[in-house]
Amino acid sequence: MRHIMVLNPKGGCGKSTLATNIASYFVSQGAAVALADYDPQRSSLDWLARRPDNRPAIAGVAGYESGLRHAPRNADFIIIDAPARSHGKELVDLVNHAETIVVPVLPSTIDIQATANFLEELKGVSKIGRKAAKIGTVANRVRDNTLIFDDLDEYLTKVRVPYIAALREAQNYVRAYTRGLGIFELPEYLAWPDWDEWEPLTAWLRSVRSQP
């Protein structure tokens, strides 16, 4: 069983969007997938509630209530949507649940600085120091040819954490979420640009580079 966590204490950076789309990607590949929502706002569980019956099932886990105690034992992947404002002991406890951690970062000066501080804290967690969990960053909701994306791209390129992908701001994510789908389940004529942008991330998640 593989545990992939989407984690950043900065609110509004798109953790639930990444978590739901990672879950939909793996289930579209034939894997047994559970989605554990640790955020009391329940964005990932609300997405699951919208999911059509004719799509491959994803098990929902209310992680904010009972952790992973009720996660299905036969899942190939558990995707964990972490809550905002996770620091200190709570952060350590969360990291202990994961082998792979994806950190989404928005193109804003505030988010870049907050993520810089967070990555330093994350590197101090024992499990990360022992390389028992791998971290990758994702530039999220970006607009090409903007100065702030250039700043984010430069920062993520230089920081000593793998910079995996840059994902555009697109209505496809809204279309998919409101229907309980991931972008991999949208028609190709609509979603192919997003599929292309996700390829580095899905390739990394499938590779040994993302696993301890």
N, C-alpha and C. Protein backbone atom coordinates (compact mmCIF):
# COMPACT_ATOMS: atom_id res chain seq x y z
N MET A 1 0.85 -1.20 0.00
CA MET A 1 0.00 0.00 0.00
C MET A 1 0.88 1.24 0.00
N ARG A 2 0.60 2.17 -0.88
CA ARG A 2 1.40 3.39 -1.03
C ARG A 2 0.60 4.58 -0.52
N HIS A 3 1.25 5.44 0.26
CA HIS A 3 0.60 6.64 0.82
C HIS A 3 1.22 7.88 0.18
N ILE A 4 0.40 8.65 -0.53
CA ILE A 4 0.84 9.88 -1.18
C ILE A 4 0.09 11.03 -0.53
N MET A 5 0.83 11.97 0.04
CA MET A 5 0.21 13.10 0.74
C MET A 5 0.41 14.39 -0.03
N VAL A 6 -0.65 15.20 -0.10
CA VAL A 6 -0.56 16.55 -0.66
C VAL A 6 -0.57 17.50 0.54
N LEU A 7 0.53 18.24 0.70
CA LEU A 7 0.77 18.93 1.97
C LEU A 7 1.37 20.31 1.75
N ASN A 8 0.78 21.29 2.35
CA ASN A 8 1.33 22.64 2.47
C ASN A 8 0.47 23.36 3.50
N PRO A 9 1.06 23.92 4.56
CA PRO A 9 0.23 24.56 5.59
C PRO A 9 -0.45 25.84 5.12
N LYS A 10 -0.02 26.37 3.97
CA LYS A 10 -0.64 27.59 3.44
C LYS A 10 -2.00 27.22 2.85
N GLY A 11 -3.05 27.84 3.34
CA GLY A 11 -4.39 27.57 2.82
C GLY A 11 -4.57 28.10 1.41
N GLY A 12 -5.47 27.46 0.66
CA GLY A 12 -5.83 27.95 -0.66
C GLY A 12 -4.83 27.68 -1.75
N CYS A 13 -3.89 26.75 -1.54
CA CYS A 13 -2.86 26.51 -2.55
C CYS A 13 -3.23 25.37 -3.49
N GLY A 14 -4.41 24.80 -3.34
CA GLY A 14 -4.87 23.78 -4.28
C GLY A 14 -4.59 22.35 -3.85
N LYS A 15 -4.47 22.11 -2.55
CA LYS A 15 -4.20 20.74 -2.08
C LYS A 15 -5.31 19.78 -2.49
N SER A 16 -6.55 20.17 -2.29
CA SER A 16 -7.65 19.27 -2.62
C SER A 16 -7.74 19.01 -4.12
N THR A 17 -7.47 20.03 -4.92
CA THR A 17 -7.48 19.84 -6.37
C THR A 17 -6.44 18.81 -6.78
N LEU A 18 -5.23 18.92 -6.24
CA LEU A 18 -4.20 17.94 -6.57
C LEU A 18 -4.56 16.56 -6.04
N ALA A 19 -5.04 16.50 -4.80
CA ALA A 19 -5.34 15.20 -4.19
C ALA A 19 -6.43 14.46 -4.98
N THR A 20 -7.50 15.16 -5.34
CA THR A 20 -8.59 14.50 -6.07
C THR A 20 -8.13 14.08 -7.46
N ASN A 21 -7.31 14.87 -8.10
CA ASN A 21 -6.85 14.50 -9.44
C ASN A 21 -5.81 13.39 -9.41
N ILE A 22 -4.98 13.35 -8.39
CA ILE A 22 -4.06 12.21 -8.24
C ILE A 22 -4.86 10.94 -8.01
N ALA A 23 -5.88 11.02 -7.17
CA ALA A 23 -6.73 9.85 -6.92
C ALA A 23 -7.41 9.39 -8.21
N SER A 24 -7.95 10.33 -8.98
CA SER A 24 -8.64 9.95 -10.22
C SER A 24 -7.67 9.39 -11.24
N TYR A 25 -6.43 9.88 -11.23
CA TYR A 25 -5.43 9.34 -12.16
C TYR A 25 -5.17 7.86 -11.86
N PHE A 26 -4.87 7.55 -10.62
CA PHE A 26 -4.53 6.17 -10.29
C PHE A 26 -5.71 5.22 -10.46
N VAL A 27 -6.93 5.68 -10.14
CA VAL A 27 -8.08 4.80 -10.32
C VAL A 27 -8.33 4.59 -11.82
N SER A 28 -8.02 5.59 -12.64
CA SER A 28 -8.18 5.43 -14.09
C SER A 28 -7.18 4.44 -14.67
N GLN A 29 -6.10 4.17 -13.91
CA GLN A 29 -5.10 3.20 -14.32
C GLN A 29 -5.40 1.79 -13.79
N GLY A 30 -6.55 1.65 -13.16
CA GLY A 30 -6.96 0.33 -12.68
C GLY A 30 -6.57 0.02 -11.26
N ALA A 31 -6.02 0.98 -10.53
CA ALA A 31 -5.60 0.75 -9.15
C ALA A 31 -6.79 0.88 -8.19
N ALA A 32 -6.68 0.22 -7.04
CA ALA A 32 -7.64 0.41 -5.95
C ALA A 32 -7.17 1.62 -5.14
N VAL A 33 -8.02 2.64 -5.03
CA VAL A 33 -7.62 3.94 -4.47
C VAL A 33 -8.55 4.36 -3.35
N ALA A 34 -7.96 4.89 -2.29
CA ALA A 34 -8.72 5.54 -1.22
C ALA A 34 -8.25 6.99 -1.12
N LEU A 35 -9.17 7.86 -0.77
CA LEU A 35 -8.88 9.29 -0.62
C LEU A 35 -9.19 9.70 0.81
N ALA A 36 -8.14 10.04 1.56
CA ALA A 36 -8.29 10.38 2.97
C ALA A 36 -8.26 11.90 3.13
N ASP A 37 -9.33 12.47 3.62
CA ASP A 37 -9.47 13.92 3.77
C ASP A 37 -9.23 14.28 5.24
N TYR A 38 -8.10 14.94 5.50
CA TYR A 38 -7.77 15.35 6.87
C TYR A 38 -8.24 16.77 7.17
N ASP A 39 -8.85 17.44 6.21
CA ASP A 39 -9.29 18.81 6.40
C ASP A 39 -10.77 18.82 6.78
N PRO A 40 -11.13 19.41 7.92
CA PRO A 40 -12.54 19.45 8.32
C PRO A 40 -13.46 20.13 7.31
N GLN A 41 -12.89 20.91 6.38
CA GLN A 41 -13.72 21.52 5.33
C GLN A 41 -14.27 20.49 4.35
N ARG A 42 -13.66 19.29 4.31
CA ARG A 42 -14.19 18.15 3.55
C ARG A 42 -14.22 18.36 2.03
N SER A 43 -13.35 19.15 1.48
CA SER A 43 -13.41 19.41 0.04
C SER A 43 -13.24 18.13 -0.77
N SER A 44 -12.33 17.26 -0.36
CA SER A 44 -12.12 16.02 -1.10
C SER A 44 -13.30 15.06 -0.93
N LEU A 45 -13.84 14.98 0.27
CA LEU A 45 -15.00 14.12 0.48
C LEU A 45 -16.23 14.66 -0.24
N ASP A 46 -16.37 15.98 -0.32
CA ASP A 46 -17.48 16.57 -1.08
C ASP A 46 -17.35 16.22 -2.56
N TRP A 47 -16.10 16.23 -3.07
CA TRP A 47 -15.85 15.81 -4.46
C TRP A 47 -16.28 14.36 -4.65
N LEU A 48 -15.92 13.51 -3.72
CA LEU A 48 -16.32 12.10 -3.82
C LEU A 48 -17.84 11.93 -3.82
N ALA A 49 -18.52 12.77 -3.04
CA ALA A 49 -19.98 12.67 -2.98
C ALA A 49 -20.63 13.02 -4.32
N ARG A 50 -19.92 13.78 -5.14
CA ARG A 50 -20.44 14.15 -6.46
C ARG A 50 -20.10 13.11 -7.53
N ARG A 51 -19.26 12.15 -7.18
CA ARG A 51 -18.74 11.23 -8.18
C ARG A 51 -19.83 10.33 -8.75
N PRO A 52 -19.94 10.23 -10.09
CA PRO A 52 -21.00 9.41 -10.70
C PRO A 52 -20.80 7.92 -10.41
N ASP A 53 -21.90 7.20 -10.34
CA ASP A 53 -21.86 5.77 -10.07
C ASP A 53 -21.19 4.98 -11.18
N ASN A 54 -21.18 5.53 -12.40
CA ASN A 54 -20.62 4.78 -13.52
C ASN A 54 -19.11 4.99 -13.69
N ARG A 55 -18.48 5.65 -12.72
CA ARG A 55 -17.03 5.84 -12.74
C ARG A 55 -16.38 4.90 -11.72
N PRO A 56 -15.12 4.54 -11.92
CA PRO A 56 -14.45 3.66 -10.95
C PRO A 56 -14.53 4.24 -9.55
N ALA A 57 -14.85 3.38 -8.60
CA ALA A 57 -15.07 3.84 -7.22
C ALA A 57 -13.76 4.19 -6.53
N ILE A 58 -13.81 5.25 -5.73
CA ILE A 58 -12.71 5.66 -4.86
C ILE A 58 -13.26 5.67 -3.44
N ALA A 59 -12.60 4.98 -2.54
CA ALA A 59 -13.08 4.92 -1.16
C ALA A 59 -12.76 6.23 -0.44
N GLY A 60 -13.71 6.74 0.30
CA GLY A 60 -13.50 7.96 1.07
C GLY A 60 -13.19 7.65 2.53
N VAL A 61 -12.25 8.40 3.09
CA VAL A 61 -11.84 8.21 4.49
C VAL A 61 -11.85 9.58 5.17
N ALA A 62 -12.61 9.71 6.25
CA ALA A 62 -12.67 10.96 7.01
C ALA A 62 -11.46 11.03 7.94
N GLY A 63 -10.32 11.37 7.40
CA GLY A 63 -9.09 11.39 8.17
C GLY A 63 -9.10 12.39 9.31
N TYR A 64 -9.86 13.47 9.16
CA TYR A 64 -9.93 14.49 10.21
C TYR A 64 -10.64 13.97 11.46
N GLU A 65 -11.38 12.87 11.32
CA GLU A 65 -12.07 12.28 12.46
C GLU A 65 -11.28 11.14 13.10
N SER A 66 -10.75 10.24 12.28
CA SER A 66 -10.15 9.02 12.84
C SER A 66 -8.87 8.60 12.14
N GLY A 67 -8.21 9.53 11.46
CA GLY A 67 -6.97 9.17 10.78
C GLY A 67 -7.21 8.13 9.70
N LEU A 68 -6.33 7.16 9.62
CA LEU A 68 -6.43 6.13 8.58
C LEU A 68 -6.96 4.80 9.12
N ARG A 69 -7.55 4.83 10.31
CA ARG A 69 -8.01 3.59 10.92
C ARG A 69 -9.07 2.88 10.09
N HIS A 70 -9.86 3.65 9.34
CA HIS A 70 -10.94 3.04 8.55
C HIS A 70 -10.59 2.98 7.07
N ALA A 71 -9.33 3.16 6.72
CA ALA A 71 -8.92 3.05 5.33
C ALA A 71 -8.99 1.59 4.89
N PRO A 72 -9.43 1.32 3.67
CA PRO A 72 -9.52 -0.08 3.21
C PRO A 72 -8.13 -0.71 3.11
N ARG A 73 -8.01 -1.92 3.61
CA ARG A 73 -6.72 -2.60 3.64
C ARG A 73 -6.28 -3.08 2.26
N ASN A 74 -7.23 -3.15 1.32
CA ASN A 74 -6.88 -3.64 -0.01
C ASN A 74 -6.52 -2.52 -0.99
N ALA A 75 -6.41 -1.28 -0.50
CA ALA A 75 -6.09 -0.16 -1.40
C ALA A 75 -4.65 -0.26 -1.88
N ASP A 76 -4.45 0.00 -3.16
CA ASP A 76 -3.09 0.11 -3.70
C ASP A 76 -2.47 1.46 -3.35
N PHE A 77 -3.32 2.49 -3.36
CA PHE A 77 -2.87 3.85 -3.06
C PHE A 77 -3.85 4.50 -2.09
N ILE A 78 -3.30 5.18 -1.10
CA ILE A 78 -4.10 6.09 -0.27
C ILE A 78 -3.57 7.50 -0.52
N ILE A 79 -4.44 8.34 -1.05
CA ILE A 79 -4.08 9.74 -1.32
C ILE A 79 -4.59 10.56 -0.14
N ILE A 80 -3.71 11.31 0.49
CA ILE A 80 -4.04 12.04 1.70
C ILE A 80 -4.08 13.54 1.41
N ASP A 81 -5.23 14.14 1.63
CA ASP A 81 -5.42 15.59 1.50
C ASP A 81 -5.21 16.19 2.89
N ALA A 82 -4.04 16.78 3.10
CA ALA A 82 -3.66 17.28 4.43
C ALA A 82 -4.33 18.62 4.72
N PRO A 83 -4.52 18.94 6.00
CA PRO A 83 -5.14 20.22 6.36
C PRO A 83 -4.16 21.36 6.29
N ALA A 84 -4.68 22.57 6.26
CA ALA A 84 -3.84 23.77 6.35
C ALA A 84 -3.34 23.95 7.79
N ARG A 85 -2.35 24.81 7.94
CA ARG A 85 -1.82 25.21 9.25
C ARG A 85 -1.24 24.03 10.02
N SER A 86 -0.59 23.10 9.33
CA SER A 86 0.02 21.94 10.00
C SER A 86 1.48 22.25 10.32
N HIS A 87 1.80 22.30 11.60
CA HIS A 87 3.17 22.58 12.03
C HIS A 87 3.47 21.73 13.27
N GLY A 88 4.74 21.71 13.65
CA GLY A 88 5.13 21.05 14.88
C GLY A 88 4.77 19.58 14.93
N LYS A 89 4.21 19.14 16.06
CA LYS A 89 3.88 17.73 16.25
C LYS A 89 2.86 17.26 15.23
N GLU A 90 1.89 18.10 14.89
CA GLU A 90 0.88 17.71 13.90
C GLU A 90 1.53 17.42 12.55
N LEU A 91 2.50 18.24 12.17
CA LEU A 91 3.22 18.02 10.92
C LEU A 91 3.98 16.70 10.96
N VAL A 92 4.67 16.46 12.06
CA VAL A 92 5.42 15.20 12.21
C VAL A 92 4.48 14.01 12.10
N ASP A 93 3.33 14.08 12.77
CA ASP A 93 2.37 12.98 12.73
C ASP A 93 1.86 12.74 11.30
N LEU A 94 1.60 13.82 10.58
CA LEU A 94 1.13 13.69 9.20
C LEU A 94 2.19 13.04 8.33
N VAL A 95 3.43 13.54 8.41
CA VAL A 95 4.51 13.02 7.58
C VAL A 95 4.73 11.53 7.84
N ASN A 96 4.51 11.11 9.08
CA ASN A 96 4.71 9.70 9.41
C ASN A 96 3.73 8.77 8.69
N HIS A 97 2.67 9.34 8.10
CA HIS A 97 1.70 8.55 7.34
C HIS A 97 2.09 8.38 5.88
N ALA A 98 3.11 9.07 5.40
CA ALA A 98 3.35 9.15 3.96
C ALA A 98 4.72 8.65 3.55
N GLU A 99 4.78 8.10 2.33
CA GLU A 99 6.05 7.79 1.69
C GLU A 99 6.42 8.83 0.63
N THR A 100 5.39 9.50 0.12
CA THR A 100 5.58 10.51 -0.94
C THR A 100 4.78 11.75 -0.56
N ILE A 101 5.40 12.92 -0.68
CA ILE A 101 4.74 14.17 -0.31
C ILE A 101 4.83 15.14 -1.49
N VAL A 102 3.67 15.62 -1.93
CA VAL A 102 3.59 16.61 -3.00
C VAL A 102 3.22 17.95 -2.38
N VAL A 103 4.04 18.98 -2.67
CA VAL A 103 3.84 20.31 -2.09
C VAL A 103 3.44 21.27 -3.21
N PRO A 104 2.15 21.66 -3.28
CA PRO A 104 1.74 22.64 -4.28
C PRO A 104 2.05 24.06 -3.82
N VAL A 105 2.48 24.90 -4.76
CA VAL A 105 2.85 26.28 -4.43
C VAL A 105 2.21 27.22 -5.45
N LEU A 106 1.52 28.24 -4.96
CA LEU A 106 0.90 29.23 -5.85
C LEU A 106 1.91 30.30 -6.25
N PRO A 107 1.69 30.93 -7.41
CA PRO A 107 2.57 32.02 -7.84
C PRO A 107 2.21 33.34 -7.16
N SER A 108 2.68 33.50 -5.95
CA SER A 108 2.54 34.77 -5.24
C SER A 108 3.71 34.92 -4.29
N THR A 109 4.08 36.14 -4.01
CA THR A 109 5.21 36.38 -3.12
C THR A 109 4.95 35.80 -1.74
N ILE A 110 3.72 35.95 -1.25
CA ILE A 110 3.37 35.41 0.07
C ILE A 110 3.52 33.90 0.08
N ASP A 111 3.02 33.23 -0.97
CA ASP A 111 3.08 31.77 -1.01
C ASP A 111 4.52 31.27 -1.15
N ILE A 112 5.31 31.98 -1.93
CA ILE A 112 6.71 31.57 -2.09
C ILE A 112 7.44 31.65 -0.76
N GLN A 113 7.25 32.75 -0.03
CA GLN A 113 7.93 32.89 1.26
C GLN A 113 7.43 31.87 2.27
N ALA A 114 6.11 31.68 2.30
CA ALA A 114 5.54 30.70 3.24
C ALA A 114 6.06 29.30 2.93
N THR A 115 6.17 28.97 1.65
CA THR A 115 6.66 27.64 1.28
C THR A 115 8.14 27.49 1.60
N ALA A 116 8.92 28.55 1.41
CA ALA A 116 10.34 28.49 1.77
C ALA A 116 10.50 28.16 3.24
N ASN A 117 9.72 28.81 4.09
CA ASN A 117 9.78 28.53 5.53
C ASN A 117 9.31 27.10 5.83
N PHE A 118 8.24 26.69 5.15
CA PHE A 118 7.68 25.36 5.39
C PHE A 118 8.66 24.26 4.97
N LEU A 119 9.30 24.42 3.82
CA LEU A 119 10.23 23.39 3.37
C LEU A 119 11.39 23.22 4.33
N GLU A 120 11.83 24.32 4.93
CA GLU A 120 12.88 24.21 5.93
C GLU A 120 12.40 23.42 7.14
N GLU A 121 11.16 23.69 7.57
CA GLU A 121 10.59 22.93 8.69
C GLU A 121 10.43 21.46 8.30
N LEU A 122 9.97 21.21 7.09
CA LEU A 122 9.74 19.85 6.64
C LEU A 122 11.04 19.05 6.58
N LYS A 123 12.10 19.69 6.15
CA LYS A 123 13.40 19.00 6.08
C LYS A 123 13.91 18.62 7.47
N GLY A 124 13.40 19.29 8.51
CA GLY A 124 13.81 18.98 9.87
C GLY A 124 13.06 17.82 10.48
N VAL A 125 12.03 17.32 9.79
CA VAL A 125 11.29 16.16 10.30
C VAL A 125 12.14 14.92 10.11
N SER A 126 12.21 14.11 11.15
CA SER A 126 13.11 12.96 11.16
C SER A 126 12.90 12.04 9.96
N LYS A 127 11.66 11.76 9.60
CA LYS A 127 11.39 10.84 8.50
C LYS A 127 11.95 11.37 7.19
N ILE A 128 11.90 12.68 7.00
CA ILE A 128 12.46 13.28 5.79
C ILE A 128 13.99 13.21 5.84
N GLY A 129 14.55 13.51 7.00
CA GLY A 129 15.99 13.45 7.15
C GLY A 129 16.55 12.07 6.90
N ARG A 130 15.79 11.04 7.27
CA ARG A 130 16.23 9.66 7.05
C ARG A 130 15.93 9.18 5.63
N LYS A 131 15.35 10.06 4.83
CA LYS A 131 14.96 9.75 3.45
C LYS A 131 13.97 8.59 3.39
N ALA A 132 13.14 8.51 4.44
CA ALA A 132 12.07 7.51 4.48
C ALA A 132 10.80 8.03 3.81
N ALA A 133 10.83 9.28 3.36
CA ALA A 133 9.75 9.85 2.56
C ALA A 133 10.39 10.82 1.58
N LYS A 134 9.81 10.91 0.39
CA LYS A 134 10.33 11.78 -0.67
C LYS A 134 9.39 12.96 -0.89
N ILE A 135 9.96 14.11 -1.20
CA ILE A 135 9.20 15.35 -1.41
C ILE A 135 9.36 15.80 -2.85
N GLY A 136 8.29 16.34 -3.42
CA GLY A 136 8.35 17.01 -4.71
C GLY A 136 7.45 18.23 -4.69
N THR A 137 7.86 19.31 -5.37
CA THR A 137 7.05 20.53 -5.42
C THR A 137 6.37 20.66 -6.79
N VAL A 138 5.23 21.34 -6.77
CA VAL A 138 4.45 21.59 -7.98
C VAL A 138 4.03 23.05 -7.99
N ALA A 139 4.37 23.77 -9.05
CA ALA A 139 3.84 25.12 -9.24
C ALA A 139 2.38 24.98 -9.68
N ASN A 140 1.47 25.60 -8.95
CA ASN A 140 0.04 25.35 -9.16
C ASN A 140 -0.69 26.64 -9.54
N ARG A 141 -1.68 26.47 -10.43
CA ARG A 141 -2.51 27.60 -10.89
C ARG A 141 -1.66 28.72 -11.49
N VAL A 142 -0.77 28.36 -12.38
CA VAL A 142 0.15 29.35 -12.94
C VAL A 142 -0.40 29.93 -14.24
N ARG A 143 0.06 31.12 -14.54
CA ARG A 143 -0.20 31.76 -15.83
C ARG A 143 1.15 32.03 -16.47
N ASP A 144 1.33 31.47 -17.66
CA ASP A 144 2.60 31.66 -18.37
C ASP A 144 2.84 33.12 -18.67
N ASN A 145 4.11 33.45 -18.82
CA ASN A 145 4.52 34.79 -19.25
C ASN A 145 4.09 35.88 -18.27
N THR A 146 4.10 35.53 -16.98
CA THR A 146 3.87 36.54 -15.95
C THR A 146 5.12 36.63 -15.07
N LEU A 147 5.37 37.80 -14.54
CA LEU A 147 6.57 37.99 -13.73
C LEU A 147 6.54 37.13 -12.47
N ILE A 148 5.36 37.00 -11.85
CA ILE A 148 5.31 36.25 -10.60
C ILE A 148 5.53 34.76 -10.85
N PHE A 149 5.08 34.24 -12.01
CA PHE A 149 5.40 32.84 -12.31
C PHE A 149 6.89 32.69 -12.57
N ASP A 150 7.50 33.67 -13.19
CA ASP A 150 8.95 33.61 -13.37
C ASP A 150 9.66 33.54 -12.03
N ASP A 151 9.17 34.33 -11.06
CA ASP A 151 9.77 34.30 -9.72
C ASP A 151 9.59 32.93 -9.07
N LEU A 152 8.38 32.37 -9.19
CA LEU A 152 8.11 31.05 -8.59
C LEU A 152 8.95 29.98 -9.28
N ASP A 153 9.01 30.03 -10.59
CA ASP A 153 9.78 29.05 -11.34
C ASP A 153 11.26 29.10 -10.94
N GLU A 154 11.79 30.31 -10.79
CA GLU A 154 13.19 30.46 -10.39
C GLU A 154 13.41 29.91 -8.98
N TYR A 155 12.49 30.22 -8.07
CA TYR A 155 12.64 29.74 -6.69
C TYR A 155 12.61 28.21 -6.64
N LEU A 156 11.59 27.60 -7.29
CA LEU A 156 11.46 26.15 -7.21
C LEU A 156 12.60 25.43 -7.94
N THR A 157 13.17 26.08 -8.93
CA THR A 157 14.31 25.49 -9.63
C THR A 157 15.55 25.47 -8.74
N LYS A 158 15.70 26.49 -7.90
CA LYS A 158 16.90 26.61 -7.08
C LYS A 158 16.82 25.89 -5.74
N VAL A 159 15.61 25.74 -5.20
CA VAL A 159 15.48 25.13 -3.88
C VAL A 159 15.87 23.66 -3.97
N ARG A 160 16.41 23.12 -2.89
CA ARG A 160 16.93 21.75 -2.92
C ARG A 160 15.85 20.71 -2.65
N VAL A 161 14.80 20.80 -3.44
CA VAL A 161 13.70 19.84 -3.42
C VAL A 161 13.30 19.63 -4.88
N PRO A 162 13.05 18.41 -5.33
CA PRO A 162 12.68 18.20 -6.73
C PRO A 162 11.47 19.04 -7.14
N TYR A 163 11.62 19.75 -8.26
CA TYR A 163 10.56 20.57 -8.84
C TYR A 163 9.97 19.74 -9.98
N ILE A 164 8.75 19.27 -9.79
CA ILE A 164 8.22 18.21 -10.65
C ILE A 164 7.43 18.74 -11.84
N ALA A 165 6.54 19.71 -11.62
CA ALA A 165 5.64 20.13 -12.69
C ALA A 165 5.10 21.52 -12.42
N ALA A 166 4.61 22.16 -13.48
CA ALA A 166 3.89 23.43 -13.39
C ALA A 166 2.52 23.23 -14.04
N LEU A 167 1.47 23.51 -13.28
CA LEU A 167 0.10 23.28 -13.73
C LEU A 167 -0.62 24.61 -13.90
N ARG A 168 -1.24 24.79 -15.05
CA ARG A 168 -1.87 26.07 -15.37
C ARG A 168 -3.17 26.27 -14.59
N GLU A 169 -3.58 27.52 -14.49
CA GLU A 169 -4.91 27.83 -13.99
C GLU A 169 -5.90 27.60 -15.12
N ALA A 170 -6.86 26.70 -14.92
CA ALA A 170 -7.75 26.32 -16.01
C ALA A 170 -9.13 25.98 -15.49
N GLN A 171 -10.14 26.28 -16.30
CA GLN A 171 -11.53 25.97 -15.95
C GLN A 171 -11.78 24.46 -15.92
N ASN A 172 -10.91 23.69 -16.55
CA ASN A 172 -11.10 22.24 -16.54
C ASN A 172 -11.13 21.68 -15.12
N TYR A 173 -10.36 22.28 -14.22
CA TYR A 173 -10.35 21.78 -12.84
C TYR A 173 -11.70 22.04 -12.17
N VAL A 174 -12.32 23.17 -12.49
CA VAL A 174 -13.65 23.47 -11.96
C VAL A 174 -14.69 22.53 -12.58
N ARG A 175 -14.61 22.35 -13.91
CA ARG A 175 -15.53 21.45 -14.58
C ARG A 175 -15.47 20.04 -13.98
N ALA A 176 -14.24 19.58 -13.77
CA ALA A 176 -14.06 18.22 -13.25
C ALA A 176 -14.57 18.12 -11.81
N TYR A 177 -14.18 19.06 -10.96
CA TYR A 177 -14.54 18.98 -9.55
C TYR A 177 -16.05 18.96 -9.35
N THR A 178 -16.76 19.84 -10.05
CA THR A 178 -18.21 19.94 -9.85
C THR A 178 -18.95 18.68 -10.29
N ARG A 179 -18.29 17.83 -11.08
CA ARG A 179 -18.90 16.58 -11.56
C ARG A 179 -18.34 15.36 -10.84
N GLY A 180 -17.45 15.58 -9.86
CA GLY A 180 -16.86 14.45 -9.16
C GLY A 180 -15.87 13.68 -10.01
N LEU A 181 -15.24 14.37 -10.95
CA LEU A 181 -14.30 13.74 -11.87
C LEU A 181 -12.91 14.36 -11.70
N GLY A 182 -11.92 13.71 -12.29
CA GLY A 182 -10.61 14.30 -12.44
C GLY A 182 -10.40 14.73 -13.87
N ILE A 183 -9.37 15.51 -14.12
CA ILE A 183 -9.15 15.98 -15.49
C ILE A 183 -8.84 14.81 -16.43
N PHE A 184 -8.35 13.69 -15.89
CA PHE A 184 -8.07 12.53 -16.74
C PHE A 184 -9.36 11.85 -17.21
N GLU A 185 -10.48 12.24 -16.63
CA GLU A 185 -11.77 11.67 -17.00
C GLU A 185 -12.59 12.63 -17.86
N LEU A 186 -12.03 13.78 -18.19
CA LEU A 186 -12.68 14.70 -19.11
C LEU A 186 -12.36 14.30 -20.55
N PRO A 187 -13.15 14.76 -21.53
CA PRO A 187 -12.86 14.43 -22.93
C PRO A 187 -11.50 14.96 -23.37
N GLU A 188 -10.85 14.21 -24.23
CA GLU A 188 -9.50 14.58 -24.67
C GLU A 188 -9.48 15.96 -25.32
N TYR A 189 -10.50 16.29 -26.12
CA TYR A 189 -10.49 17.57 -26.83
C TYR A 189 -10.50 18.75 -25.86
N LEU A 190 -11.00 18.54 -24.64
CA LEU A 190 -11.01 19.59 -23.62
C LEU A 190 -9.73 19.59 -22.78
N ALA A 191 -9.26 18.41 -22.43
CA ALA A 191 -8.28 18.30 -21.34
C ALA A 191 -6.87 17.97 -21.79
N TRP A 192 -6.61 17.79 -23.09
CA TRP A 192 -5.27 17.35 -23.48
C TRP A 192 -4.16 18.29 -23.03
N PRO A 193 -4.37 19.64 -23.00
CA PRO A 193 -3.26 20.48 -22.50
C PRO A 193 -2.92 20.18 -21.03
N ASP A 194 -3.96 19.89 -20.24
CA ASP A 194 -3.72 19.57 -18.83
C ASP A 194 -3.09 18.19 -18.67
N TRP A 195 -3.50 17.24 -19.50
CA TRP A 195 -2.85 15.92 -19.46
C TRP A 195 -1.35 16.06 -19.71
N ASP A 196 -1.00 16.90 -20.70
CA ASP A 196 0.42 17.11 -21.01
C ASP A 196 1.16 17.70 -19.81
N GLU A 197 0.53 18.68 -19.15
CA GLU A 197 1.18 19.32 -18.00
C GLU A 197 1.33 18.36 -16.82
N TRP A 198 0.41 17.43 -16.69
CA TRP A 198 0.47 16.47 -15.59
C TRP A 198 1.46 15.33 -15.83
N GLU A 199 1.87 15.13 -17.07
CA GLU A 199 2.72 13.98 -17.37
C GLU A 199 3.98 13.92 -16.51
N PRO A 200 4.71 15.04 -16.29
CA PRO A 200 5.89 14.94 -15.42
C PRO A 200 5.54 14.52 -14.00
N LEU A 201 4.38 14.96 -13.49
CA LEU A 201 3.98 14.60 -12.13
C LEU A 201 3.57 13.14 -12.04
N THR A 202 2.75 12.67 -12.98
CA THR A 202 2.34 11.27 -12.93
C THR A 202 3.54 10.34 -13.16
N ALA A 203 4.45 10.76 -14.04
CA ALA A 203 5.65 9.94 -14.27
C ALA A 203 6.50 9.86 -13.00
N TRP A 204 6.63 10.98 -12.30
CA TRP A 204 7.39 11.00 -11.04
C TRP A 204 6.73 10.12 -9.99
N LEU A 205 5.40 10.22 -9.88
CA LEU A 205 4.69 9.42 -8.88
C LEU A 205 4.80 7.92 -9.17
N ARG A 206 4.91 7.57 -10.43
CA ARG A 206 5.06 6.15 -10.79
C ARG A 206 6.49 5.66 -10.62
N SER A 207 7.45 6.56 -10.53
CA SER A 207 8.85 6.18 -10.56
C SER A 207 9.41 5.89 -9.16
N VAL A 208 10.56 5.24 -9.13
CA VAL A 208 11.23 4.98 -7.85
C VAL A 208 11.76 6.27 -7.24
N ARG A 209 11.89 7.33 -8.02
CA ARG A 209 12.40 8.60 -7.49
C ARG A 209 11.47 9.21 -6.46
N SER A 210 10.21 8.84 -6.50
CA SER A 210 9.24 9.40 -5.55
C SER A 210 9.00 8.50 -4.36
N GLN A 211 9.76 7.41 -4.27
CA GLN A 211 9.56 6.43 -3.21
C GLN A 211 10.83 6.22 -2.41
N PRO A 212 10.71 5.98 -1.11
CA PRO A 212 11.90 5.76 -0.27
C PRO A 212 12.56 4.41 -0.56
